[in-house]
């Protein structure tokens, strides 16, 4: 067996650059304006959107003019109201290994035109949307890591439901948002819904561990 040493530093640097572009702190290579974007998540068409590209990847899809003070992109392309569907795989699709292996899923997806697939090298027990609220009804947890975009019940609604359930207990479980929604109003919406903290994707292991250490087990008065 031959072991090959590799470094994740280039991938980490690329991800950090994408995050900087998405946050309006770095210049995009190309910005597509005036687009109507088909969301594979909501199955709706959003109008007047901008798609920010960097290093050949989509850094962000946002309403027109969301980053008025961002550095000037290297090129701007006007879609003139055209419909764009960035990506063929929903970024929030979760495939359980008990249903299909990563290799089998990749083989099937690639035959249907998908160009990029990311598979986690490990599994994390997922309690999703409605099932997550029901789990909180049945027991207590030290900490909840809450996705904001979920298929049946979004994270904001799930948080409100959990807070309502906890009203009679006299204490509430810390809830941390883990989401790509990082605009100031989106962060404010998470906190207003009852979340205690917000981690914007991409999330470094260090920041995640810091948040867990800060909040785990810190139930507070409701």
N, C-alpha and C. Protein backbone atom coordinates (compact mmCIF):
# COMPACT_ATOMS: atom_id res chain seq x y z
N UNK A 1 0.86 -1.19 0.00
CA UNK A 1 0.00 0.00 0.00
C UNK A 1 0.89 1.24 0.00
N UNK A 2 0.57 2.18 -0.85
CA UNK A 2 1.33 3.42 -0.94
C UNK A 2 0.52 4.55 -0.33
N UNK A 3 1.09 5.23 0.64
CA UNK A 3 0.43 6.36 1.27
C UNK A 3 0.94 7.65 0.67
N UNK A 4 0.03 8.51 0.27
CA UNK A 4 0.41 9.79 -0.33
C UNK A 4 0.09 10.92 0.63
N UNK A 5 1.07 11.72 0.92
CA UNK A 5 0.86 12.86 1.81
C UNK A 5 0.26 14.02 1.02
N UNK A 6 -0.77 14.62 1.59
CA UNK A 6 -1.36 15.77 0.92
C UNK A 6 -1.70 16.82 1.97
N UNK A 7 -1.90 18.02 1.49
CA UNK A 7 -2.21 19.14 2.39
C UNK A 7 -3.58 19.70 2.05
N UNK A 8 -4.33 20.04 3.10
CA UNK A 8 -5.65 20.66 2.88
C UNK A 8 -5.53 22.18 2.82
N UNK A 9 -4.31 22.70 2.96
CA UNK A 9 -4.12 24.15 2.97
C UNK A 9 -4.65 24.83 1.71
N UNK A 10 -4.34 24.31 0.49
CA UNK A 10 -4.87 24.98 -0.70
C UNK A 10 -6.40 25.00 -0.73
N UNK A 11 -7.04 23.88 -0.33
CA UNK A 11 -8.50 23.83 -0.31
C UNK A 11 -9.05 24.81 0.71
N UNK A 12 -8.40 24.89 1.88
CA UNK A 12 -8.85 25.81 2.91
C UNK A 12 -8.73 27.25 2.44
N UNK A 13 -7.61 27.58 1.77
CA UNK A 13 -7.41 28.94 1.27
C UNK A 13 -8.45 29.28 0.22
N UNK A 14 -8.77 28.32 -0.66
CA UNK A 14 -9.78 28.55 -1.68
C UNK A 14 -11.14 28.79 -1.05
N UNK A 15 -11.47 28.01 -0.03
CA UNK A 15 -12.75 28.17 0.66
C UNK A 15 -12.82 29.52 1.35
N UNK A 16 -11.73 29.93 1.98
CA UNK A 16 -11.70 31.23 2.64
C UNK A 16 -11.89 32.36 1.65
N UNK A 17 -11.30 32.21 0.45
CA UNK A 17 -11.46 33.24 -0.58
C UNK A 17 -12.91 33.31 -1.04
N UNK A 18 -13.55 32.15 -1.23
CA UNK A 18 -14.96 32.13 -1.62
C UNK A 18 -15.81 32.82 -0.56
N UNK A 19 -15.51 32.57 0.70
CA UNK A 19 -16.26 33.20 1.78
C UNK A 19 -16.07 34.71 1.77
N UNK A 20 -14.84 35.15 1.47
CA UNK A 20 -14.57 36.59 1.41
C UNK A 20 -15.33 37.25 0.26
N UNK A 21 -15.39 36.56 -0.88
CA UNK A 21 -16.15 37.08 -2.02
C UNK A 21 -17.63 37.14 -1.68
N UNK A 22 -18.15 36.07 -1.06
CA UNK A 22 -19.56 36.03 -0.69
C UNK A 22 -19.91 37.11 0.31
N UNK A 23 -18.96 37.46 1.17
CA UNK A 23 -19.20 38.48 2.18
C UNK A 23 -18.91 39.89 1.71
N UNK A 24 -18.52 40.05 0.43
CA UNK A 24 -18.25 41.37 -0.11
C UNK A 24 -16.92 41.95 0.31
N UNK A 25 -16.01 41.08 0.78
CA UNK A 25 -14.70 41.55 1.24
C UNK A 25 -13.61 41.35 0.21
N UNK A 26 -13.90 40.62 -0.87
CA UNK A 26 -12.93 40.37 -1.94
C UNK A 26 -13.64 40.46 -3.28
N UNK A 27 -12.89 40.78 -4.33
CA UNK A 27 -13.48 40.95 -5.65
C UNK A 27 -13.81 39.61 -6.29
N UNK A 28 -14.97 39.53 -6.91
CA UNK A 28 -15.35 38.33 -7.66
C UNK A 28 -14.68 38.36 -9.03
N UNK A 29 -14.46 37.19 -9.61
CA UNK A 29 -13.93 37.14 -10.97
C UNK A 29 -15.00 37.61 -11.96
N UNK A 30 -16.22 37.11 -11.77
CA UNK A 30 -17.35 37.46 -12.64
C UNK A 30 -18.60 37.62 -11.78
N UNK A 31 -19.40 38.62 -12.10
CA UNK A 31 -20.72 38.78 -11.48
C UNK A 31 -21.76 38.76 -12.58
N UNK A 32 -22.70 37.83 -12.50
CA UNK A 32 -23.81 37.76 -13.45
C UNK A 32 -24.98 38.52 -12.84
N UNK A 33 -25.44 39.56 -13.52
CA UNK A 33 -26.53 40.39 -13.00
C UNK A 33 -27.81 40.16 -13.79
N UNK A 34 -28.91 40.67 -13.24
CA UNK A 34 -30.19 40.62 -13.94
C UNK A 34 -30.69 39.23 -14.24
N UNK A 35 -30.38 38.28 -13.37
CA UNK A 35 -30.76 36.89 -13.62
C UNK A 35 -32.00 36.50 -12.83
N UNK A 36 -32.75 35.57 -13.39
CA UNK A 36 -33.81 34.90 -12.64
C UNK A 36 -33.26 33.52 -12.29
N UNK A 37 -33.22 33.21 -11.01
CA UNK A 37 -32.54 32.00 -10.54
C UNK A 37 -33.55 30.96 -10.08
N UNK A 38 -33.45 29.77 -10.66
CA UNK A 38 -34.29 28.65 -10.26
C UNK A 38 -33.63 27.96 -9.07
N UNK A 39 -34.33 27.93 -7.95
CA UNK A 39 -33.81 27.29 -6.75
C UNK A 39 -34.21 25.83 -6.71
N UNK A 40 -33.21 24.94 -6.62
CA UNK A 40 -33.51 23.52 -6.50
C UNK A 40 -34.04 23.19 -5.12
N UNK A 41 -33.88 24.12 -4.19
CA UNK A 41 -34.35 23.89 -2.82
C UNK A 41 -35.83 24.25 -2.67
N UNK A 42 -36.20 25.49 -3.07
CA UNK A 42 -37.58 25.93 -2.89
C UNK A 42 -38.46 25.65 -4.10
N UNK A 43 -37.83 25.27 -5.24
CA UNK A 43 -38.54 25.02 -6.50
C UNK A 43 -39.27 26.29 -6.97
N UNK A 44 -38.69 27.44 -6.68
CA UNK A 44 -39.24 28.72 -7.12
C UNK A 44 -38.20 29.49 -7.91
N UNK A 45 -38.67 30.50 -8.65
CA UNK A 45 -37.77 31.35 -9.42
C UNK A 45 -37.65 32.69 -8.72
N UNK A 46 -36.44 33.05 -8.32
CA UNK A 46 -36.17 34.33 -7.68
C UNK A 46 -35.75 35.33 -8.76
N UNK A 47 -36.32 36.52 -8.74
CA UNK A 47 -36.04 37.51 -9.77
C UNK A 47 -34.95 38.49 -9.34
N UNK A 48 -34.31 39.10 -10.34
CA UNK A 48 -33.31 40.14 -10.15
C UNK A 48 -32.23 39.72 -9.15
N UNK A 49 -31.55 38.63 -9.48
CA UNK A 49 -30.50 38.12 -8.61
C UNK A 49 -29.13 38.30 -9.26
N UNK A 50 -28.12 38.32 -8.42
CA UNK A 50 -26.73 38.37 -8.87
C UNK A 50 -26.04 37.07 -8.47
N UNK A 51 -25.22 36.53 -9.37
CA UNK A 51 -24.44 35.33 -9.09
C UNK A 51 -22.96 35.73 -9.11
N UNK A 52 -22.30 35.53 -8.00
CA UNK A 52 -20.90 35.92 -7.86
C UNK A 52 -20.02 34.69 -8.02
N UNK A 53 -19.06 34.76 -8.94
CA UNK A 53 -18.19 33.63 -9.25
C UNK A 53 -16.74 33.95 -8.89
N UNK A 54 -16.04 32.95 -8.36
CA UNK A 54 -14.62 33.10 -8.05
C UNK A 54 -13.94 31.75 -8.19
N UNK A 55 -12.80 31.75 -8.83
CA UNK A 55 -12.04 30.51 -9.03
C UNK A 55 -12.87 29.41 -9.70
N UNK A 56 -13.75 29.82 -10.60
CA UNK A 56 -14.56 28.85 -11.32
C UNK A 56 -15.69 28.25 -10.52
N UNK A 57 -15.98 28.80 -9.33
CA UNK A 57 -17.04 28.28 -8.48
C UNK A 57 -18.00 29.39 -8.09
N UNK A 58 -19.23 29.01 -7.74
CA UNK A 58 -20.23 29.98 -7.29
C UNK A 58 -19.93 30.35 -5.85
N UNK A 59 -19.66 31.62 -5.61
CA UNK A 59 -19.39 32.08 -4.24
C UNK A 59 -20.68 32.50 -3.55
N UNK A 60 -21.62 33.09 -4.31
CA UNK A 60 -22.85 33.56 -3.69
C UNK A 60 -23.92 33.83 -4.74
N UNK A 61 -25.16 33.65 -4.35
CA UNK A 61 -26.32 34.07 -5.13
C UNK A 61 -27.13 34.98 -4.22
N UNK A 62 -27.32 36.22 -4.61
CA UNK A 62 -27.94 37.20 -3.71
C UNK A 62 -28.77 38.21 -4.49
N UNK A 63 -29.65 38.95 -3.78
CA UNK A 63 -30.42 39.99 -4.45
C UNK A 63 -29.52 41.06 -5.04
N UNK A 64 -29.97 41.68 -6.11
CA UNK A 64 -29.18 42.72 -6.77
C UNK A 64 -28.86 43.85 -5.79
N UNK A 65 -27.60 44.28 -5.81
CA UNK A 65 -27.18 45.39 -4.97
C UNK A 65 -26.98 45.05 -3.51
N UNK A 66 -26.90 43.77 -3.17
CA UNK A 66 -26.75 43.38 -1.77
C UNK A 66 -25.42 43.85 -1.19
N UNK A 67 -24.39 43.89 -2.03
CA UNK A 67 -23.07 44.35 -1.59
C UNK A 67 -22.68 45.58 -2.41
N UNK A 68 -23.20 46.72 -2.04
CA UNK A 68 -22.94 47.95 -2.79
C UNK A 68 -21.49 48.42 -2.63
N UNK A 69 -20.84 48.06 -1.52
CA UNK A 69 -19.48 48.54 -1.25
C UNK A 69 -18.42 47.47 -1.52
N UNK A 70 -18.81 46.38 -2.14
CA UNK A 70 -17.85 45.30 -2.43
C UNK A 70 -16.86 45.76 -3.50
N UNK A 71 -15.65 45.19 -3.50
CA UNK A 71 -14.68 45.52 -4.55
C UNK A 71 -15.25 45.25 -5.94
N UNK A 72 -14.83 46.05 -6.91
CA UNK A 72 -15.34 45.92 -8.28
C UNK A 72 -14.91 44.58 -8.86
N UNK A 73 -15.85 43.80 -9.40
CA UNK A 73 -15.48 42.50 -10.00
C UNK A 73 -14.67 42.70 -11.27
N UNK A 74 -13.96 41.65 -11.67
CA UNK A 74 -13.13 41.74 -12.87
C UNK A 74 -13.98 41.80 -14.14
N UNK A 75 -15.16 41.22 -14.10
CA UNK A 75 -16.06 41.24 -15.27
C UNK A 75 -17.50 41.16 -14.79
N UNK A 76 -18.40 41.79 -15.56
CA UNK A 76 -19.84 41.77 -15.26
C UNK A 76 -20.59 41.32 -16.50
N UNK A 77 -21.49 40.38 -16.32
CA UNK A 77 -22.30 39.86 -17.43
C UNK A 77 -23.77 40.07 -17.10
N UNK A 78 -24.51 40.72 -18.00
CA UNK A 78 -25.93 40.97 -17.81
C UNK A 78 -26.75 39.83 -18.41
N UNK A 79 -27.46 39.09 -17.57
CA UNK A 79 -28.26 37.97 -18.05
C UNK A 79 -29.56 38.42 -18.69
N UNK A 80 -29.93 39.70 -18.51
CA UNK A 80 -31.12 40.28 -19.12
C UNK A 80 -32.38 39.47 -18.84
N UNK A 81 -32.53 39.09 -17.59
CA UNK A 81 -33.75 38.39 -17.20
C UNK A 81 -33.78 36.92 -17.51
N UNK A 82 -32.69 36.38 -18.01
CA UNK A 82 -32.64 34.95 -18.33
C UNK A 82 -32.73 34.09 -17.08
N UNK A 83 -33.24 32.88 -17.23
CA UNK A 83 -33.36 31.95 -16.11
C UNK A 83 -32.10 31.11 -15.99
N UNK A 84 -31.54 31.06 -14.80
CA UNK A 84 -30.31 30.32 -14.55
C UNK A 84 -30.56 29.32 -13.42
N UNK A 85 -30.07 28.11 -13.58
CA UNK A 85 -30.17 27.09 -12.53
C UNK A 85 -28.77 26.67 -12.13
N UNK A 86 -28.16 27.35 -11.15
CA UNK A 86 -26.78 27.02 -10.77
C UNK A 86 -26.69 25.73 -9.97
N UNK A 87 -26.28 24.66 -10.61
CA UNK A 87 -26.10 23.39 -9.90
C UNK A 87 -27.26 22.45 -10.11
N UNK A 88 -26.97 21.18 -10.20
CA UNK A 88 -28.00 20.18 -10.41
C UNK A 88 -28.28 19.38 -9.15
N UNK A 89 -27.47 19.57 -8.11
CA UNK A 89 -27.70 18.89 -6.84
C UNK A 89 -27.99 19.92 -5.77
N UNK A 90 -29.10 19.77 -5.06
CA UNK A 90 -29.44 20.66 -3.96
C UNK A 90 -28.33 20.61 -2.92
N UNK A 91 -27.74 21.76 -2.54
CA UNK A 91 -26.65 21.73 -1.58
C UNK A 91 -27.07 21.25 -0.20
N UNK A 92 -28.38 21.17 0.05
CA UNK A 92 -28.84 20.71 1.35
C UNK A 92 -29.45 19.31 1.28
N UNK A 93 -29.14 18.56 0.23
CA UNK A 93 -29.61 17.19 0.13
C UNK A 93 -28.73 16.29 1.00
N UNK A 94 -29.36 15.49 1.84
CA UNK A 94 -28.63 14.58 2.71
C UNK A 94 -28.90 13.15 2.28
N UNK A 95 -27.87 12.41 1.98
CA UNK A 95 -27.99 11.02 1.56
C UNK A 95 -27.43 10.13 2.66
N UNK A 96 -28.26 9.26 3.22
CA UNK A 96 -27.80 8.35 4.27
C UNK A 96 -27.14 7.13 3.65
N UNK A 97 -26.03 6.67 4.25
CA UNK A 97 -25.32 5.52 3.71
C UNK A 97 -26.13 4.24 3.83
N UNK A 98 -27.14 4.25 4.72
CA UNK A 98 -28.00 3.07 4.82
C UNK A 98 -28.90 2.94 3.60
N UNK A 99 -29.05 4.05 2.85
CA UNK A 99 -29.89 4.05 1.66
C UNK A 99 -29.07 3.79 0.40
N UNK A 100 -27.90 4.41 0.31
CA UNK A 100 -27.06 4.26 -0.87
C UNK A 100 -25.63 4.64 -0.49
N UNK A 101 -24.65 3.97 -1.06
CA UNK A 101 -23.27 4.31 -0.77
C UNK A 101 -22.86 5.55 -1.56
N UNK A 102 -21.80 6.21 -1.09
CA UNK A 102 -21.32 7.41 -1.78
C UNK A 102 -20.91 7.10 -3.21
N UNK A 103 -20.24 5.97 -3.43
CA UNK A 103 -19.80 5.61 -4.78
C UNK A 103 -20.98 5.36 -5.71
N UNK A 104 -21.98 4.63 -5.23
CA UNK A 104 -23.15 4.34 -6.06
C UNK A 104 -23.91 5.62 -6.40
N UNK A 105 -24.01 6.51 -5.42
CA UNK A 105 -24.71 7.78 -5.67
C UNK A 105 -23.94 8.62 -6.68
N UNK A 106 -22.62 8.68 -6.55
CA UNK A 106 -21.80 9.46 -7.47
C UNK A 106 -21.92 8.93 -8.89
N UNK A 107 -21.88 7.60 -9.05
CA UNK A 107 -21.99 7.00 -10.39
C UNK A 107 -23.32 7.36 -11.04
N UNK A 108 -24.40 7.31 -10.28
CA UNK A 108 -25.72 7.62 -10.83
C UNK A 108 -25.85 9.11 -11.14
N UNK A 109 -25.31 9.96 -10.26
CA UNK A 109 -25.45 11.39 -10.46
C UNK A 109 -24.63 11.88 -11.64
N UNK A 110 -23.42 11.35 -11.79
CA UNK A 110 -22.56 11.79 -12.89
C UNK A 110 -23.15 11.46 -14.25
N UNK A 111 -23.88 10.36 -14.34
CA UNK A 111 -24.52 9.99 -15.60
C UNK A 111 -25.62 10.97 -15.98
N UNK A 112 -26.12 11.72 -15.00
CA UNK A 112 -27.21 12.65 -15.26
C UNK A 112 -26.74 14.10 -15.33
N UNK A 113 -25.45 14.30 -15.52
CA UNK A 113 -24.96 15.64 -15.79
C UNK A 113 -24.35 16.39 -14.63
N UNK A 114 -24.35 15.82 -13.44
CA UNK A 114 -23.75 16.49 -12.30
C UNK A 114 -22.24 16.54 -12.47
N UNK A 115 -21.66 17.68 -12.16
CA UNK A 115 -20.22 17.84 -12.36
C UNK A 115 -19.43 17.82 -11.06
N UNK A 116 -20.06 18.14 -9.93
CA UNK A 116 -19.34 18.21 -8.67
C UNK A 116 -20.16 17.63 -7.54
N UNK A 117 -19.55 16.75 -6.77
CA UNK A 117 -20.22 16.15 -5.61
C UNK A 117 -19.25 16.17 -4.44
N UNK A 118 -19.70 16.61 -3.29
CA UNK A 118 -18.90 16.56 -2.08
C UNK A 118 -19.51 15.53 -1.14
N UNK A 119 -18.71 14.58 -0.69
CA UNK A 119 -19.17 13.56 0.25
C UNK A 119 -18.38 13.70 1.55
N UNK A 120 -19.08 13.74 2.67
CA UNK A 120 -18.40 13.76 3.96
C UNK A 120 -17.71 12.43 4.19
N UNK A 121 -16.57 12.48 4.85
CA UNK A 121 -15.85 11.25 5.16
C UNK A 121 -16.34 10.62 6.46
N UNK A 122 -17.33 11.25 7.07
CA UNK A 122 -17.88 10.70 8.31
C UNK A 122 -19.37 10.99 8.34
N UNK A 123 -20.04 10.37 9.27
CA UNK A 123 -21.47 10.59 9.42
C UNK A 123 -21.76 11.25 10.75
N UNK A 124 -22.75 12.12 10.76
CA UNK A 124 -23.20 12.77 11.98
C UNK A 124 -24.69 12.47 12.11
N UNK A 125 -25.12 12.07 13.29
CA UNK A 125 -26.54 11.81 13.50
C UNK A 125 -27.33 13.09 13.23
N UNK A 126 -28.25 13.05 12.30
CA UNK A 126 -29.02 14.21 11.89
C UNK A 126 -30.43 14.13 12.45
N UNK A 127 -30.88 15.15 13.14
CA UNK A 127 -32.28 15.26 13.54
C UNK A 127 -32.82 16.46 12.78
N UNK A 128 -33.71 16.22 11.83
CA UNK A 128 -34.08 17.25 10.87
C UNK A 128 -35.49 17.79 11.10
N UNK A 129 -35.66 19.06 10.90
CA UNK A 129 -36.89 19.85 10.92
C UNK A 129 -37.95 19.32 11.87
N UNK A 130 -39.06 18.79 11.38
CA UNK A 130 -40.16 18.36 12.23
C UNK A 130 -39.72 17.29 13.22
N UNK A 131 -38.89 16.35 12.76
CA UNK A 131 -38.40 15.29 13.64
C UNK A 131 -37.56 15.87 14.77
N UNK A 132 -36.82 16.95 14.47
CA UNK A 132 -36.00 17.59 15.49
C UNK A 132 -36.84 18.22 16.58
N UNK A 133 -37.93 18.87 16.20
CA UNK A 133 -38.84 19.47 17.18
C UNK A 133 -39.44 18.38 18.06
N UNK A 134 -39.83 17.26 17.45
CA UNK A 134 -40.41 16.16 18.21
C UNK A 134 -39.38 15.57 19.18
N UNK A 135 -38.11 15.50 18.75
CA UNK A 135 -37.07 15.00 19.64
C UNK A 135 -36.92 15.89 20.86
N UNK A 136 -37.03 17.21 20.67
CA UNK A 136 -36.95 18.14 21.79
C UNK A 136 -38.16 18.00 22.71
N UNK A 137 -39.28 17.60 22.15
CA UNK A 137 -40.48 17.39 22.96
C UNK A 137 -40.29 16.19 23.90
N UNK A 138 -39.55 15.18 23.41
CA UNK A 138 -39.40 13.94 24.16
C UNK A 138 -38.26 13.98 25.19
N UNK A 139 -37.29 14.85 25.00
CA UNK A 139 -36.16 14.87 25.91
C UNK A 139 -35.43 16.19 25.89
N UNK A 140 -34.34 16.28 26.66
CA UNK A 140 -33.54 17.49 26.75
C UNK A 140 -32.14 17.23 26.18
N UNK A 141 -31.56 18.27 25.61
CA UNK A 141 -30.24 18.16 24.99
C UNK A 141 -29.35 19.28 25.51
N UNK A 142 -28.04 19.05 25.46
CA UNK A 142 -27.09 20.06 25.90
C UNK A 142 -26.97 21.20 24.90
N UNK A 143 -27.15 20.89 23.62
CA UNK A 143 -26.91 21.88 22.57
C UNK A 143 -27.60 21.46 21.29
N UNK A 144 -28.11 22.43 20.54
CA UNK A 144 -28.72 22.16 19.24
C UNK A 144 -27.97 22.95 18.18
N UNK A 145 -27.46 22.26 17.14
CA UNK A 145 -26.87 22.91 15.97
C UNK A 145 -27.95 22.93 14.90
N UNK A 146 -28.43 24.11 14.55
CA UNK A 146 -29.62 24.25 13.72
C UNK A 146 -29.29 24.73 12.31
N UNK A 147 -29.62 23.91 11.32
CA UNK A 147 -29.57 24.37 9.93
C UNK A 147 -30.76 25.30 9.72
N UNK A 148 -30.64 26.27 8.83
CA UNK A 148 -31.73 27.21 8.60
C UNK A 148 -32.62 26.74 7.46
N UNK A 149 -32.02 26.17 6.41
CA UNK A 149 -32.81 25.71 5.26
C UNK A 149 -32.99 24.21 5.34
N UNK A 150 -34.23 23.78 5.56
CA UNK A 150 -34.55 22.36 5.65
C UNK A 150 -35.83 22.09 4.87
N UNK A 151 -36.03 20.87 4.41
CA UNK A 151 -37.11 20.57 3.46
C UNK A 151 -38.52 20.85 3.95
N UNK A 152 -38.85 20.48 5.19
CA UNK A 152 -40.23 20.57 5.64
C UNK A 152 -40.47 21.80 6.50
N UNK A 153 -39.67 21.97 7.52
CA UNK A 153 -39.78 23.12 8.42
C UNK A 153 -38.44 23.82 8.48
N UNK A 154 -38.40 25.13 8.18
CA UNK A 154 -37.13 25.84 8.19
C UNK A 154 -36.62 26.01 9.62
N UNK A 155 -35.34 26.33 9.74
CA UNK A 155 -34.72 26.42 11.05
C UNK A 155 -35.29 27.49 11.95
N UNK A 156 -35.75 28.60 11.37
CA UNK A 156 -36.34 29.67 12.18
C UNK A 156 -37.63 29.19 12.82
N UNK A 157 -38.48 28.53 12.01
CA UNK A 157 -39.74 28.01 12.54
C UNK A 157 -39.48 26.91 13.57
N UNK A 158 -38.52 26.03 13.28
CA UNK A 158 -38.19 24.96 14.22
C UNK A 158 -37.73 25.53 15.56
N UNK A 159 -36.93 26.60 15.50
CA UNK A 159 -36.46 27.23 16.74
C UNK A 159 -37.62 27.81 17.53
N UNK A 160 -38.54 28.49 16.85
CA UNK A 160 -39.71 29.04 17.54
C UNK A 160 -40.53 27.94 18.18
N UNK A 161 -40.68 26.81 17.48
CA UNK A 161 -41.44 25.68 18.02
C UNK A 161 -40.75 25.13 19.27
N UNK A 162 -39.44 25.01 19.21
CA UNK A 162 -38.69 24.49 20.36
C UNK A 162 -38.82 25.43 21.54
N UNK A 163 -38.69 26.73 21.30
CA UNK A 163 -38.80 27.70 22.39
C UNK A 163 -40.20 27.66 23.01
N UNK A 164 -41.22 27.46 22.19
CA UNK A 164 -42.58 27.36 22.71
C UNK A 164 -42.73 26.12 23.60
N UNK A 165 -42.12 25.00 23.18
CA UNK A 165 -42.18 23.78 23.97
C UNK A 165 -41.47 23.95 25.32
N UNK A 166 -40.40 24.73 25.32
CA UNK A 166 -39.59 24.89 26.53
C UNK A 166 -40.19 25.89 27.51
N UNK A 167 -41.23 26.59 27.08
CA UNK A 167 -41.79 27.65 27.91
C UNK A 167 -42.17 27.19 29.31
N UNK A 168 -42.68 25.98 29.43
CA UNK A 168 -43.13 25.48 30.73
C UNK A 168 -42.01 24.83 31.54
N UNK A 169 -40.84 24.66 30.94
CA UNK A 169 -39.74 23.97 31.62
C UNK A 169 -38.91 24.88 32.51
N UNK A 170 -38.95 26.17 32.23
CA UNK A 170 -38.17 27.11 33.01
C UNK A 170 -36.73 27.25 32.58
N UNK A 171 -36.33 26.51 31.55
CA UNK A 171 -34.96 26.62 31.01
C UNK A 171 -35.00 26.29 29.53
N UNK A 172 -34.07 26.85 28.79
CA UNK A 172 -34.04 26.62 27.35
C UNK A 172 -32.66 26.12 26.92
N UNK A 173 -32.66 25.29 25.90
CA UNK A 173 -31.43 24.70 25.38
C UNK A 173 -30.74 25.67 24.42
N UNK A 174 -29.44 25.85 24.53
CA UNK A 174 -28.73 26.71 23.57
C UNK A 174 -28.90 26.20 22.14
N UNK A 175 -29.21 27.10 21.23
CA UNK A 175 -29.38 26.77 19.82
C UNK A 175 -28.43 27.64 19.01
N UNK A 176 -27.60 27.00 18.18
CA UNK A 176 -26.64 27.72 17.34
C UNK A 176 -27.01 27.52 15.88
N UNK A 177 -27.16 28.61 15.15
CA UNK A 177 -27.43 28.53 13.72
C UNK A 177 -26.14 28.16 12.99
N UNK A 178 -26.23 27.20 12.06
CA UNK A 178 -25.11 26.84 11.19
C UNK A 178 -25.63 26.98 9.76
N UNK A 179 -25.28 28.07 9.10
CA UNK A 179 -25.94 28.40 7.84
C UNK A 179 -25.06 29.24 6.94
N UNK A 180 -25.36 29.20 5.64
CA UNK A 180 -24.68 30.07 4.68
C UNK A 180 -25.34 31.44 4.61
N UNK A 181 -26.44 31.62 5.32
CA UNK A 181 -27.12 32.92 5.36
C UNK A 181 -26.38 33.83 6.33
N UNK A 182 -25.56 34.73 5.80
CA UNK A 182 -24.66 35.51 6.65
C UNK A 182 -24.88 37.02 6.53
N UNK A 183 -25.89 37.45 5.78
CA UNK A 183 -26.17 38.88 5.71
C UNK A 183 -26.67 39.36 7.07
N UNK A 184 -26.42 40.62 7.44
CA UNK A 184 -26.79 41.12 8.77
C UNK A 184 -28.25 40.86 9.13
N UNK A 185 -29.16 41.08 8.17
CA UNK A 185 -30.57 40.86 8.48
C UNK A 185 -30.88 39.38 8.68
N UNK A 186 -30.13 38.50 8.00
CA UNK A 186 -30.34 37.06 8.17
C UNK A 186 -29.85 36.60 9.54
N UNK A 187 -28.72 37.15 9.98
CA UNK A 187 -28.23 36.84 11.33
C UNK A 187 -29.23 37.33 12.37
N UNK A 188 -29.75 38.56 12.15
CA UNK A 188 -30.73 39.13 13.08
C UNK A 188 -31.98 38.27 13.15
N UNK A 189 -32.40 37.72 12.01
CA UNK A 189 -33.59 36.87 11.99
C UNK A 189 -33.38 35.61 12.83
N UNK A 190 -32.17 35.04 12.76
CA UNK A 190 -31.86 33.85 13.56
C UNK A 190 -31.96 34.16 15.05
N UNK A 191 -31.37 35.27 15.46
CA UNK A 191 -31.40 35.63 16.87
C UNK A 191 -32.81 35.99 17.32
N UNK A 192 -33.56 36.67 16.46
CA UNK A 192 -34.93 37.03 16.80
C UNK A 192 -35.83 35.81 16.95
N UNK A 193 -35.51 34.74 16.23
CA UNK A 193 -36.31 33.51 16.31
C UNK A 193 -36.05 32.75 17.60
N UNK A 194 -34.98 33.13 18.32
CA UNK A 194 -34.68 32.47 19.58
C UNK A 194 -33.36 31.74 19.63
N UNK A 195 -32.57 31.84 18.56
CA UNK A 195 -31.25 31.20 18.57
C UNK A 195 -30.30 32.02 19.43
N UNK A 196 -29.30 31.35 19.98
CA UNK A 196 -28.35 32.01 20.87
C UNK A 196 -27.09 32.49 20.17
N UNK A 197 -26.75 31.86 19.06
CA UNK A 197 -25.49 32.19 18.39
C UNK A 197 -25.63 31.87 16.91
N UNK A 198 -24.67 32.33 16.12
CA UNK A 198 -24.72 32.15 14.66
C UNK A 198 -23.33 31.82 14.16
N UNK A 199 -23.21 30.73 13.39
CA UNK A 199 -21.96 30.37 12.72
C UNK A 199 -22.21 30.36 11.22
N UNK A 200 -21.50 31.21 10.50
CA UNK A 200 -21.68 31.28 9.05
C UNK A 200 -20.79 30.29 8.33
N UNK A 201 -21.37 29.60 7.35
CA UNK A 201 -20.60 28.65 6.54
C UNK A 201 -19.75 29.41 5.53
N UNK A 202 -18.56 28.90 5.17
CA UNK A 202 -17.93 27.68 5.67
C UNK A 202 -17.44 27.84 7.10
N UNK A 203 -17.61 26.80 7.90
CA UNK A 203 -17.28 26.84 9.32
C UNK A 203 -15.99 26.09 9.57
N UNK A 204 -15.03 26.76 10.16
CA UNK A 204 -13.76 26.09 10.48
C UNK A 204 -13.95 25.22 11.72
N UNK A 205 -13.21 24.12 11.82
CA UNK A 205 -13.31 23.27 13.01
C UNK A 205 -13.05 24.04 14.30
N UNK A 206 -12.12 24.99 14.25
CA UNK A 206 -11.79 25.76 15.44
C UNK A 206 -12.97 26.58 15.94
N UNK A 207 -13.66 27.25 15.02
CA UNK A 207 -14.81 28.07 15.42
C UNK A 207 -15.95 27.21 15.95
N UNK A 208 -16.13 26.04 15.33
CA UNK A 208 -17.19 25.14 15.80
C UNK A 208 -16.89 24.66 17.22
N UNK A 209 -15.65 24.26 17.47
CA UNK A 209 -15.28 23.78 18.80
C UNK A 209 -15.41 24.89 19.84
N UNK A 210 -15.05 26.12 19.45
CA UNK A 210 -15.18 27.25 20.37
C UNK A 210 -16.64 27.48 20.74
N UNK A 211 -17.52 27.40 19.73
CA UNK A 211 -18.94 27.62 19.99
C UNK A 211 -19.52 26.52 20.87
N UNK A 212 -19.14 25.27 20.59
CA UNK A 212 -19.63 24.15 21.41
C UNK A 212 -19.16 24.30 22.85
N UNK A 213 -17.89 24.65 23.04
CA UNK A 213 -17.35 24.83 24.39
C UNK A 213 -18.05 25.98 25.11
N UNK A 214 -18.42 27.01 24.36
CA UNK A 214 -19.04 28.19 24.95
C UNK A 214 -20.48 27.93 25.39
N UNK A 215 -21.19 27.09 24.61
CA UNK A 215 -22.62 26.95 24.84
C UNK A 215 -23.06 25.60 25.39
N UNK A 216 -22.31 24.54 25.18
CA UNK A 216 -22.77 23.20 25.57
C UNK A 216 -23.06 23.13 27.07
N UNK A 217 -24.25 22.66 27.39
CA UNK A 217 -24.64 22.50 28.79
C UNK A 217 -25.06 23.78 29.48
N UNK A 218 -25.06 24.90 28.74
CA UNK A 218 -25.43 26.18 29.36
C UNK A 218 -26.91 26.45 29.20
N UNK A 219 -27.76 25.61 29.74
CA UNK A 219 -29.20 25.87 29.72
C UNK A 219 -29.44 27.13 30.54
N UNK A 220 -30.32 27.99 30.03
CA UNK A 220 -30.56 29.25 30.72
C UNK A 220 -32.05 29.45 30.92
N UNK A 221 -32.38 30.39 31.75
CA UNK A 221 -33.78 30.63 32.09
C UNK A 221 -34.56 31.01 30.86
N UNK A 222 -35.75 30.43 30.70
CA UNK A 222 -36.59 30.71 29.54
C UNK A 222 -37.24 32.07 29.69
